[in-house]
Structures are given as C-alpha cells and as structure tokens.
C-alpha atoms as a PDB file:
ATOM      1  CA  MET A   1       9.603-136.242 139.238  1.00  0.00           C
ATOM      2  CA  VAL A   2       7.575-138.417 136.660  1.00  0.00           C
ATOM      3  CA  LYS A   3       8.925-141.564 138.162  1.00  0.00           C
ATOM      4  CA  GLU A   4       7.295-141.047 141.522  1.00  0.00           C
ATOM      5  CA  MET A   5       4.001-140.058 139.829  1.00  0.00           C
ATOM      6  CA  LEU A   6       3.666-143.416 138.159  1.00  0.00           C
ATOM      7  CA  ALA A   7       4.941-145.312 141.209  1.00  0.00           C
ATOM      8  CA  GLY A   8       2.086-143.578 143.126  1.00  0.00           C
ATOM      9  CA  VAL A   9      -0.474-144.888 140.642  1.00  0.00           C
ATOM     10  CA  ARG A  10       0.874-148.455 140.952  1.00  0.00           C
ATOM     11  CA  THR A  11       0.952-148.198 144.759  1.00  0.00           C
ATOM     12  CA  VAL A  12      -2.509-146.583 145.378  1.00  0.00           C
ATOM     13  CA  ARG A  13      -4.262-148.279 142.501  1.00  0.00           C
ATOM     14  CA  PRO A  14      -7.084-145.635 142.507  1.00  0.00           C
ATOM     15  CA  LEU A  15     -10.631-146.445 141.564  1.00  0.00           C
ATOM     16  CA  ILE A  16     -11.547-143.802 138.922  1.00  0.00           C
ATOM     17  CA  HIS A  17     -15.194-142.989 137.978  1.00  0.00           C
ATOM     18  CA  CYS A  18     -15.411-142.270 134.234  1.00  0.00           C
ATOM     19  CA  ILE A  19     -18.437-140.361 132.742  1.00  0.00           C
ATOM     20  CA  THR A  20     -17.090-140.678 129.174  1.00  0.00           C
ATOM     21  CA  ASN A  21     -18.274-141.111 125.615  1.00  0.00           C
ATOM     22  CA  TYR A  22     -19.501-144.341 124.297  1.00  0.00           C
ATOM     23  CA  VAL A  23     -17.017-144.413 121.315  1.00  0.00           C
ATOM     24  CA  THR A  24     -13.954-144.715 123.631  1.00  0.00           C
ATOM     25  CA  ALA A  25     -15.430-146.067 126.864  1.00  0.00           C
ATOM     26  CA  ASN A  26     -13.610-149.457 126.540  1.00  0.00           C
ATOM     27  CA  ASP A  27     -10.515-147.890 125.654  1.00  0.00           C
ATOM     28  CA  CYS A  28     -10.640-145.653 128.767  1.00  0.00           C
ATOM     29  CA  ALA A  29     -11.361-148.580 130.962  1.00  0.00           C
ATOM     30  CA  ASN A  30      -8.459-150.631 129.558  1.00  0.00           C
ATOM     31  CA  ILE A  31      -5.966-147.723 129.810  1.00  0.00           C
ATOM     32  CA  LEU A  32      -6.844-147.315 133.561  1.00  0.00           C
ATOM     33  CA  LEU A  33      -6.258-150.947 134.173  1.00  0.00           C
ATOM     34  CA  ALA A  34      -3.038-150.746 132.165  1.00  0.00           C
ATOM     35  CA  CYS A  35      -1.565-147.895 134.219  1.00  0.00           C
ATOM     36  CA  GLY A  36      -2.390-149.587 137.527  1.00  0.00           C
ATOM     37  CA  ALA A  37      -5.709-148.016 138.393  1.00  0.00           C
ATOM     38  CA  SER A  38      -9.256-149.361 138.242  1.00  0.00           C
ATOM     39  CA  PRO A  39     -12.406-148.101 136.251  1.00  0.00           C
ATOM     40  CA  VAL A  40     -15.992-147.650 136.942  1.00  0.00           C
ATOM     41  CA  MET A  41     -18.283-146.367 134.328  1.00  0.00           C
ATOM     42  CA  ALA A  42     -21.574-145.005 135.475  1.00  0.00           C
ATOM     43  CA  ASP A  43     -23.627-142.164 133.842  1.00  0.00           C
ATOM     44  CA  ASP A  44     -27.138-142.559 135.209  1.00  0.00           C
ATOM     45  CA  GLU A  45     -28.326-139.551 137.223  1.00  0.00           C
ATOM     46  CA  THR A  46     -29.774-142.007 139.913  1.00  0.00           C
ATOM     47  CA  GLU A  47     -26.362-143.431 140.836  1.00  0.00           C
ATOM     48  CA  VAL A  48     -23.534-141.177 139.913  1.00  0.00           C
ATOM     49  CA  GLU A  49     -23.283-139.558 143.313  1.00  0.00           C
ATOM     50  CA  ASP A  50     -23.013-143.041 145.040  1.00  0.00           C
ATOM     51  CA  VAL A  51     -20.412-144.178 142.429  1.00  0.00           C
ATOM     52  CA  THR A  52     -18.402-141.002 142.813  1.00  0.00           C
ATOM     53  CA  SER A  53     -18.380-141.342 146.542  1.00  0.00           C
ATOM     54  CA  ILE A  54     -16.523-144.696 146.462  1.00  0.00           C
ATOM     55  CA  CYS A  55     -13.840-143.601 144.017  1.00  0.00           C
ATOM     56  CA  ARG A  56     -10.728-141.590 144.388  1.00  0.00           C
ATOM     57  CA  GLY A  57     -11.265-139.382 141.232  1.00  0.00           C
ATOM     58  CA  LEU A  58     -13.605-138.480 138.526  1.00  0.00           C
ATOM     59  CA  SER A  59     -13.009-138.098 134.723  1.00  0.00           C
ATOM     60  CA  ILE A  60     -15.560-136.155 132.711  1.00  0.00           C
ATOM     61  CA  ASN A  61     -15.687-136.390 128.923  1.00  0.00           C
ATOM     62  CA  ILE A  62     -18.416-134.831 126.795  1.00  0.00           C
ATOM     63  CA  GLY A  63     -17.391-136.571 123.567  1.00  0.00           C
ATOM     64  CA  THR A  64     -20.942-137.899 122.968  1.00  0.00           C
ATOM     65  CA  LEU A  65     -22.844-135.309 124.944  1.00  0.00           C
ATOM     66  CA  ASN A  66     -26.599-135.625 125.291  1.00  0.00           C
ATOM     67  CA  SER A  67     -29.251-133.786 127.255  1.00  0.00           C
ATOM     68  CA  ARG A  68     -29.724-136.855 129.676  1.00  0.00           C
ATOM     69  CA  SER A  69     -25.964-136.843 130.643  1.00  0.00           C
ATOM     70  CA  VAL A  70     -25.641-133.274 131.680  1.00  0.00           C
ATOM     71  CA  PRO A  71     -27.541-133.574 135.025  1.00  0.00           C
ATOM     72  CA  ALA A  72     -25.663-136.650 135.771  1.00  0.00           C
ATOM     73  CA  ILE A  73     -22.243-134.873 135.058  1.00  0.00           C
ATOM     74  CA  LEU A  74     -23.114-131.871 137.307  1.00  0.00           C
ATOM     75  CA  LYS A  75     -24.265-134.262 140.207  1.00  0.00           C
ATOM     76  CA  ALA A  76     -21.149-136.237 139.901  1.00  0.00           C
ATOM     77  CA  GLY A  77     -18.878-133.207 139.688  1.00  0.00           C
ATOM     78  CA  ARG A  78     -20.491-131.503 142.651  1.00  0.00           C
ATOM     79  CA  ARG A  79     -20.305-134.734 144.665  1.00  0.00           C
ATOM     80  CA  ALA A  80     -16.506-135.133 143.888  1.00  0.00           C
ATOM     81  CA  ASN A  81     -16.014-131.434 144.887  1.00  0.00           C
ATOM     82  CA  ALA A  82     -17.767-131.971 148.117  1.00  0.00           C
ATOM     83  CA  LEU A  83     -15.438-135.012 148.911  1.00  0.00           C
ATOM     84  CA  GLY A  84     -12.342-133.301 147.754  1.00  0.00           C
ATOM     85  CA  HIS A  85     -11.908-135.773 144.981  1.00  0.00           C
ATOM     86  CA  PRO A  86      -9.954-134.531 141.924  1.00  0.00           C
ATOM     87  CA  VAL A  87     -12.027-134.096 138.843  1.00  0.00           C
ATOM     88  CA  VAL A  88     -10.575-134.090 135.242  1.00  0.00           C
ATOM     89  CA  PHE A  89     -12.493-132.392 132.478  1.00  0.00           C
ATOM     90  CA  ASP A  90     -12.005-133.309 128.759  1.00  0.00           C
ATOM     91  CA  PRO A  91     -14.054-130.813 126.744  1.00  0.00           C
ATOM     92  CA  VAL A  92     -14.138-132.860 123.789  1.00  0.00           C
ATOM     93  CA  GLY A  93     -15.364-131.011 120.583  1.00  0.00           C
ATOM     94  CA  ALA A  94     -15.965-127.700 122.494  1.00  0.00           C
ATOM     95  CA  GLY A  95     -16.748-125.229 119.720  1.00  0.00           C
ATOM     96  CA  ALA A  96     -18.194-127.706 117.393  1.00  0.00           C
ATOM     97  CA  SER A  97     -21.872-126.856 118.387  1.00  0.00           C
ATOM     98  CA  ALA A  98     -23.704-124.395 120.580  1.00  0.00           C
ATOM     99  CA  HIS A  99     -24.906-127.100 122.971  1.00  0.00           C
ATOM    100  CA  ARG A 100     -21.560-128.554 123.524  1.00  0.00           C
ATOM    101  CA  THR A 101     -19.822-125.172 123.960  1.00  0.00           C
ATOM    102  CA  GLU A 102     -22.529-123.930 126.421  1.00  0.00           C
ATOM    103  CA  THR A 103     -22.342-127.113 128.352  1.00  0.00           C
ATOM    104  CA  ALA A 104     -18.521-126.931 128.650  1.00  0.00           C
ATOM    105  CA  LEU A 105     -18.881-123.382 129.862  1.00  0.00           C
ATOM    106  CA  ARG A 106     -21.557-124.266 132.360  1.00  0.00           C
ATOM    107  CA  LEU A 107     -19.370-127.068 133.802  1.00  0.00           C
ATOM    108  CA  LEU A 108     -16.471-124.559 134.244  1.00  0.00           C
ATOM    109  CA  LYS A 109     -18.795-122.406 136.349  1.00  0.00           C
ATOM    110  CA  GLU A 110     -20.458-125.130 138.377  1.00  0.00           C
ATOM    111  CA  VAL A 111     -17.696-127.688 138.976  1.00  0.00           C
ATOM    112  CA  ARG A 112     -14.137-127.188 140.390  1.00  0.00           C
ATOM    113  CA  PHE A 113     -11.626-128.924 138.243  1.00  0.00           C
ATOM    114  CA  ALA A 114      -8.287-130.334 139.259  1.00  0.00           C
ATOM    115  CA  VAL A 115      -7.162-130.632 135.541  1.00  0.00           C
ATOM    116  CA  ILE A 116      -8.663-129.503 132.243  1.00  0.00           C
ATOM    117  CA  ARG A 117      -7.283-131.452 129.275  1.00  0.00           C
ATOM    118  CA  GLY A 118      -8.029-130.738 125.734  1.00  0.00           C
ATOM    119  CA  ASN A 119      -6.585-129.962 122.319  1.00  0.00           C
ATOM    120  CA  SER A 120      -5.623-126.451 121.384  1.00  0.00           C
ATOM    121  CA  SER A 121      -8.992-125.593 119.837  1.00  0.00           C
ATOM    122  CA  GLU A 122     -11.087-126.858 122.750  1.00  0.00           C
ATOM    123  CA  ILE A 123      -8.953-124.944 125.315  1.00  0.00           C
ATOM    124  CA  ARG A 124      -9.109-121.835 123.064  1.00  0.00           C
ATOM    125  CA  THR A 125     -13.002-122.152 122.968  1.00  0.00           C
ATOM    126  CA  LEU A 126     -13.107-122.337 126.890  1.00  0.00           C
ATOM    127  CA  ILE A 127     -10.875-119.304 127.217  1.00  0.00           C
ATOM    128  CA  ALA A 128     -12.702-117.279 124.596  1.00  0.00           C
ATOM    129  CA  GLY A 129     -16.205-118.498 125.397  1.00  0.00           C
ATOM    130  CA  SER A 130     -16.828-119.443 121.814  1.00  0.00           C
ATOM    131  CA  GLY A 131     -14.932-120.966 118.864  1.00  0.00           C
ATOM    132  CA  THR A 132     -14.966-123.517 116.138  1.00  0.00           C
ATOM    133  CA  THR A 133     -13.174-126.906 115.829  1.00  0.00           C
ATOM    134  CA  ARG A 134     -12.823-129.353 113.047  1.00  0.00           C
ATOM    135  CA  GLY A 135     -15.278-131.900 114.560  1.00  0.00           C
ATOM    136  CA  VAL A 136     -13.462-133.048 117.680  1.00  0.00           C
ATOM    137  CA  ASP A 137     -10.009-132.296 116.312  1.00  0.00           C
ATOM    138  CA  ALA A 138      -7.955-129.134 116.600  1.00  0.00           C
ATOM    139  CA  ASP A 139      -7.928-126.650 113.741  1.00  0.00           C
ATOM    140  CA  LEU A 140      -4.467-126.370 112.227  1.00  0.00           C
ATOM    141  CA  ALA A 141      -4.448-122.726 112.966  1.00  0.00           C
ATOM    142  CA  ASP A 142      -4.619-123.555 116.708  1.00  0.00           C
ATOM    143  CA  GLN A 143      -1.720-126.015 116.713  1.00  0.00           C
ATOM    144  CA  ILE A 144       1.050-125.080 119.309  1.00  0.00           C
ATOM    145  CA  THR A 145       4.370-124.348 117.477  1.00  0.00           C
ATOM    146  CA  GLU A 146       7.895-123.554 118.743  1.00  0.00           C
ATOM    147  CA  GLU A 147       7.483-120.087 117.309  1.00  0.00           C
ATOM    148  CA  LYS A 148       4.277-119.135 119.351  1.00  0.00           C
ATOM    149  CA  LEU A 149       5.209-121.456 122.406  1.00  0.00           C
ATOM    150  CA  GLU A 150       5.981-118.893 125.005  1.00  0.00           C
ATOM    151  CA  GLU A 151       2.926-116.858 124.041  1.00  0.00           C
ATOM    152  CA  THR A 152       0.715-119.762 124.290  1.00  0.00           C
ATOM    153  CA  ALA A 153       2.124-120.827 127.617  1.00  0.00           C
ATOM    154  CA  ALA A 154       1.341-117.429 128.938  1.00  0.00           C
ATOM    155  CA  VAL A 155      -2.182-117.719 127.822  1.00  0.00           C
ATOM    156  CA  VAL A 156      -2.607-121.251 129.237  1.00  0.00           C
ATOM    157  CA  ARG A 157      -0.950-120.028 132.524  1.00  0.00           C
ATOM    158  CA  ARG A 158      -3.705-117.202 132.884  1.00  0.00           C
ATOM    159  CA  PHE A 159      -6.490-119.652 132.251  1.00  0.00           C
ATOM    160  CA  ALA A 160      -5.014-121.905 134.886  1.00  0.00           C
ATOM    161  CA  ARG A 161      -4.976-118.947 137.293  1.00  0.00           C
ATOM    162  CA  GLN A 162      -8.562-118.020 136.402  1.00  0.00           C
ATOM    163  CA  THR A 163      -9.931-121.586 136.886  1.00  0.00           C
ATOM    164  CA  GLY A 164      -7.661-122.894 139.629  1.00  0.00           C
ATOM    165  CA  ALA A 165      -7.011-126.009 137.470  1.00  0.00           C
ATOM    166  CA  VAL A 166      -3.907-127.537 135.919  1.00  0.00           C
ATOM    167  CA  VAL A 167      -4.431-126.984 132.166  1.00  0.00           C
ATOM    168  CA  ALA A 168      -3.096-129.632 129.719  1.00  0.00           C
ATOM    169  CA  VAL A 169      -3.046-128.639 125.972  1.00  0.00           C
ATOM    170  CA  THR A 170      -2.155-131.679 123.828  1.00  0.00           C
ATOM    171  CA  GLY A 171      -1.010-131.829 120.240  1.00  0.00           C
ATOM    172  CA  ALA A 172       2.367-132.088 118.522  1.00  0.00           C
ATOM    173  CA  ILE A 173       3.806-130.177 121.308  1.00  0.00           C
ATOM    174  CA  ASP A 174       2.082-130.567 124.698  1.00  0.00           C
ATOM    175  CA  LEU A 175       1.874-127.829 127.402  1.00  0.00           C
ATOM    176  CA  VAL A 176       0.852-128.516 130.902  1.00  0.00           C
ATOM    177  CA  ALA A 177       0.490-125.544 133.322  1.00  0.00           C
ATOM    178  CA  ASP A 178      -0.651-124.199 136.461  1.00  0.00           C
ATOM    179  CA  ALA A 179      -0.752-120.456 137.199  1.00  0.00           C
ATOM    180  CA  GLU A 180       3.033-120.284 137.786  1.00  0.00           C
ATOM    181  CA  THR A 181       4.774-122.985 135.804  1.00  0.00           C
ATOM    182  CA  ALA A 182       4.263-124.530 132.172  1.00  0.00           C
ATOM    183  CA  TYR A 183       5.865-127.747 131.161  1.00  0.00           C
ATOM    184  CA  CYS A 184       6.515-128.225 127.523  1.00  0.00           C
ATOM    185  CA  ILE A 185       6.479-131.905 126.639  1.00  0.00           C
ATOM    186  CA  ASP A 186       7.905-133.385 123.417  1.00  0.00           C
ATOM    187  CA  ASN A 187       6.946-137.049 123.814  1.00  0.00           C
ATOM    188  CA  GLY A 188       4.501-138.507 121.323  1.00  0.00           C
ATOM    189  CA  HIS A 189       4.182-139.727 117.754  1.00  0.00           C
ATOM    190  CA  PRO A 190       1.993-138.643 114.812  1.00  0.00           C
ATOM    191  CA  MET A 191       0.556-142.131 114.662  1.00  0.00           C
ATOM    192  CA  MET A 192      -1.518-141.278 117.855  1.00  0.00           C
ATOM    193  CA  ARG A 193      -3.801-139.043 115.568  1.00  0.00           C
ATOM    194  CA  SER A 194      -4.688-142.068 113.550  1.00  0.00           C
ATOM    195  CA  ILE A 195      -6.725-143.794 116.260  1.00  0.00           C
ATOM    196  CA  THR A 196      -9.901-142.676 118.048  1.00  0.00           C
ATOM    197  CA  GLY A 197      -9.500-141.941 121.747  1.00  0.00           C
ATOM    198  CA  ALA A 198      -5.971-141.222 122.391  1.00  0.00           C
ATOM    199  CA  GLY A 199      -7.012-138.040 124.271  1.00  0.00           C
ATOM    200  CA  CYS A 200      -9.888-139.738 125.901  1.00  0.00           C
ATOM    201  CA  MET A 201      -7.564-142.427 127.337  1.00  0.00           C
ATOM    202  CA  LEU A 202      -5.183-139.698 128.464  1.00  0.00           C
ATOM    203  CA  SER A 203      -7.810-137.769 130.358  1.00  0.00           C
ATOM    204  CA  ALA A 204      -8.824-140.966 132.032  1.00  0.00           C
ATOM    205  CA  MET A 205      -5.238-141.887 132.916  1.00  0.00           C
ATOM    206  CA  THR A 206      -4.484-138.284 134.100  1.00  0.00           C
ATOM    207  CA  ALA A 207      -7.282-138.763 136.708  1.00  0.00           C
ATOM    208  CA  ALA A 208      -5.648-141.766 137.996  1.00  0.00           C
ATOM    209  CA  TYR A 209      -2.210-139.921 138.250  1.00  0.00           C
ATOM    210  CA  VAL A 210      -3.803-136.996 140.017  1.00  0.00           C
ATOM    211  CA  ALA A 211      -5.938-139.178 142.369  1.00  0.00           C
ATOM    212  CA  ALA A 212      -2.882-141.028 143.362  1.00  0.00           C
ATOM    213  CA  ASN A 213      -0.798-137.908 143.831  1.00  0.00           C
ATOM    214  CA  PRO A 214      -3.312-135.242 144.876  1.00  0.00           C
ATOM    215  CA  VAL A 215      -0.771-132.816 146.447  1.00  0.00           C
ATOM    216  CA  HIS A 216       1.235-132.780 143.202  1.00  0.00           C
ATOM    217  CA  ARG A 217      -1.383-132.012 140.523  1.00  0.00           C
ATOM    218  CA  LEU A 218       0.856-130.289 137.994  1.00  0.00           C
ATOM    219  CA  GLU A 219       3.537-132.924 138.237  1.00  0.00           C
ATOM    220  CA  ALA A 220       1.001-135.814 138.010  1.00  0.00           C
ATOM    221  CA  ALA A 221      -0.668-134.213 134.988  1.00  0.00           C
ATOM    222  CA  ALA A 222       2.617-133.638 133.214  1.00  0.00           C
ATOM    223  CA  ALA A 223       3.811-137.251 134.097  1.00  0.00           C
ATOM    224  CA  ALA A 224       0.595-138.624 132.622  1.00  0.00           C
ATOM    225  CA  VAL A 225       1.125-136.584 129.411  1.00  0.00           C
ATOM    226  CA  CYS A 226       4.795-137.774 129.128  1.00  0.00           C
ATOM    227  CA  ALA A 227       3.650-141.401 129.746  1.00  0.00           C
ATOM    228  CA  MET A 228       1.153-141.372 127.002  1.00  0.00           C
ATOM    229  CA  GLY A 229       3.404-139.769 124.537  1.00  0.00           C
ATOM    230  CA  LEU A 230       6.288-142.089 125.398  1.00  0.00           C
ATOM    231  CA  CYS A 231       3.970-145.168 125.087  1.00  0.00           C
ATOM    232  CA  GLY A 232       2.878-143.897 121.724  1.00  0.00           C
ATOM    233  CA  GLU A 233       6.604-143.886 120.637  1.00  0.00           C
ATOM    234  CA  LYS A 234       6.979-147.464 122.105  1.00  0.00           C
ATOM    235  CA  ALA A 235       3.872-148.564 120.184  1.00  0.00           C
ATOM    236  CA  PHE A 236       5.043-147.259 116.819  1.00  0.00           C
ATOM    237  CA  GLY A 237       8.373-148.998 117.381  1.00  0.00           C
ATOM    238  CA  ARG A 238       6.570-152.371 117.493  1.00  0.00           C
ATOM    239  CA  LEU A 239       4.599-151.819 114.139  1.00  0.00           C
ATOM    240  CA  GLY A 240       5.822-154.091 111.336  1.00  0.00           C
ATOM    241  CA  GLU A 241       5.188-153.619 107.694  1.00  0.00           C
ATOM    242  CA  ALA A 242       1.659-155.014 107.969  1.00  0.00           C
ATOM    243  CA  GLY A 243       0.766-153.138 111.141  1.00  0.00           C
ATOM    244  CA  GLY A 244      -1.823-150.409 111.075  1.00  0.00           C
ATOM    245  CA  ASN A 245      -3.916-148.178 113.430  1.00  0.00           C
ATOM    246  CA  ALA A 246      -5.609-151.135 115.073  1.00  0.00           C
ATOM    247  CA  SER A 247      -2.330-152.834 115.986  1.00  0.00           C
ATOM    248  CA  PHE A 248      -1.104-149.513 117.182  1.00  0.00           C
ATOM    249  CA  ARG A 249      -3.971-148.939 119.446  1.00  0.00           C
ATOM    250  CA  ASN A 250      -3.382-152.333 121.049  1.00  0.00           C
ATOM    251  CA  TYR A 251       0.418-151.754 121.360  1.00  0.00           C
ATOM    252  CA  LEU A 252      -0.227-148.350 123.004  1.00  0.00           C
ATOM    253  CA  ILE A 253      -2.278-150.115 125.758  1.00  0.00           C
ATOM    254  CA  ASP A 254       0.391-152.809 125.952  1.00  0.00           C
ATOM    255  CA  ALA A 255       3.136-150.161 126.375  1.00  0.00           C
ATOM    256  CA  VAL A 256       1.211-148.245 129.233  1.00  0.00           C
ATOM    257  CA  TYR A 257       0.847-151.687 131.003  1.00  0.00           C
ATOM    258  CA  ARG A 258       4.517-152.525 130.714  1.00  0.00           C
ATOM    259  CA  LEU A 259       5.848-149.015 131.419  1.00  0.00           C
ATOM    260  CA  THR A 260       8.048-148.975 134.578  1.00  0.00           C
ATOM    261  CA  PRO A 261       8.674-145.706 136.656  1.00  0.00           C
ATOM    262  CA  GLU A 262      12.396-145.916 135.669  1.00  0.00           C
ATOM    263  CA  GLU A 263      11.489-146.215 131.924  1.00  0.00           C
ATOM    264  CA  LEU A 264       9.319-143.275 132.345  1.00  0.00           C
ATOM    265  CA  GLU A 265      11.949-141.242 134.053  1.00  0.00           C
ATOM    266  CA  GLN A 266      14.528-141.986 131.451  1.00  0.00           C
ATOM    267  CA  GLY A 267      12.230-141.539 128.374  1.00  0.00           C
ATOM    268  CA  ALA A 268      10.217-138.593 129.461  1.00  0.00           C
ATOM    269  CA  ARG A 269      11.233-135.260 127.436  1.00  0.00           C
ATOM    270  CA  TYR A 270      10.097-132.151 129.199  1.00  0.00           C
ATOM    271  CA  ARG A 271      11.298-128.591 129.715  1.00  0.00           C
ATOM    272  CA  ILE A 272      10.004-125.683 131.705  1.00  0.00           C
ATOM    273  CA  CYS A 273       8.548-122.894 129.485  1.00  0.00           C
ATOM    274  CA  ARG A 274       9.925-119.686 130.957  1.00  0.00           C
ATOM    275  CA  PRO A 275       7.599-116.702 131.546  1.00  0.00           C
END
C-alpha cells in the first residue's frame, strides 16, 4: 500500500502551494523537493487564487498566524475546493490563543479539507471547539497511549466523519483515520521533537502524497506519516557522537530524498485499529 503512494509522488511530481509559517517555510519547501514534489510559497491575498489554480494541492499552516493572512488562506482554500484540489490543514497551536482557535474553527466551516493533520492537543481543540496547548506542542495529558488507543481512534473516526476529511494525529503513536478505518503507525524517533518543523514538513509532504494519489486519501496520508517517521529513524541512525538537532534536521531531509518505495514498504510499521 505505502509503496504505491510514494511511487505516485515520484511519477506525478505535484506542484504544491504552501501557505505556511515563516519559521519553517524553507524546511517545507525542501521536504517537498526531497520527496519528489515541487513547492510554491505565496500568501498575498492578491495572488493566492492564481497560484492555487496552477498547483495540484494546497497546504495550509497557521503556525505564525496574522490578520493579513486569514483572507488569503480563505481565498486559496475556496479556490482549491472549486477546482477539486486536495487541501491539507495544519492547525498549529490551535488552543493557544482565542484568535488562533477561532480562525481554525472558521476554516473548518468555510473550507473543505482532504486531510487535517495536527498533534493530539490541536485535534482535541478542533473537536471540542476550545482547548489549551503548551505553545505549539501537545500537552502531555493529550498524548496517545496504547491504553487509550482504541478510545482515541473512535473519537478521531467520528471527527473524520463529521468533517469529511482524513484526520492524522501525530505523536509518539500516530493515528490516521477516515470515517471507517483508523491506522495506528509506530514509525518515528523521539529526536524528531528536538527540531522545529517536523510536523510542518509532514503536512506539506502529506499534501504531495494526497495530490499524487487523490482517490486514495487515507492510504496516501498514512504513507506520508510512515515515510516521515521512518526517515526520522534513519536520520537518527546517522548521528555520531558530535551530532545534534541541526545535523538531525539535515539528515531527515536527506533520508526523505533517498527513500525508495521498496524501503518504505519494508520499513513502514502500521496496523489497523479495530472499532
């Protein structure tokens, strides 16, 4: 399953429009190039509709949200919807401020998302309509554990049914679900929490996977999550005694660039969470 999704990205080489935050824009652009796609970054209200029109997918990330960007995000999202292009939503820090939470909830109402990807606190905020996060990181109380995996999967499936989107909740254990099926993914490494932008890069890469495999949204999103986690494992394996988080970030992008469909198929660790 996952092998075909990466092969699709490498064959189609989709152009992805990213409206992302300025902290990780360069990383998102490079991860798209590494996985086989191409990035374009545009967030001015006067051009986002034109840029969205020439792309195969749109990634929306509210990590450095400001009042100027909201109308641009809405215009791009509506244009992508009109064209039938998949839109991936990363509600970074939803719950951290009223403005951020209200904007995320407004986007859920006004834009149709193919995939919603966030950490457990961000997704909980979207489901509940309010919440708190530790900055842009998940609260420890919200982390997915084996003990509450089935319960969490059921909640995520209900949210997927409500929104019509595939929902990806990432953390120590990842869940990727549509209304009927939830995949539990065990790839990844704790070192991924030591760099800024691992989640942002994953959202951009998910947009590429879904844009290249539009009729397999669930499988494409799950494959992207597996690929990012597996590449995190490979990146950590390259670190020597003097290596730190800066080296890890570069090795992560290298691993995505060098990942083959066969390696992804062999290294992906996922299972179906039964209802």
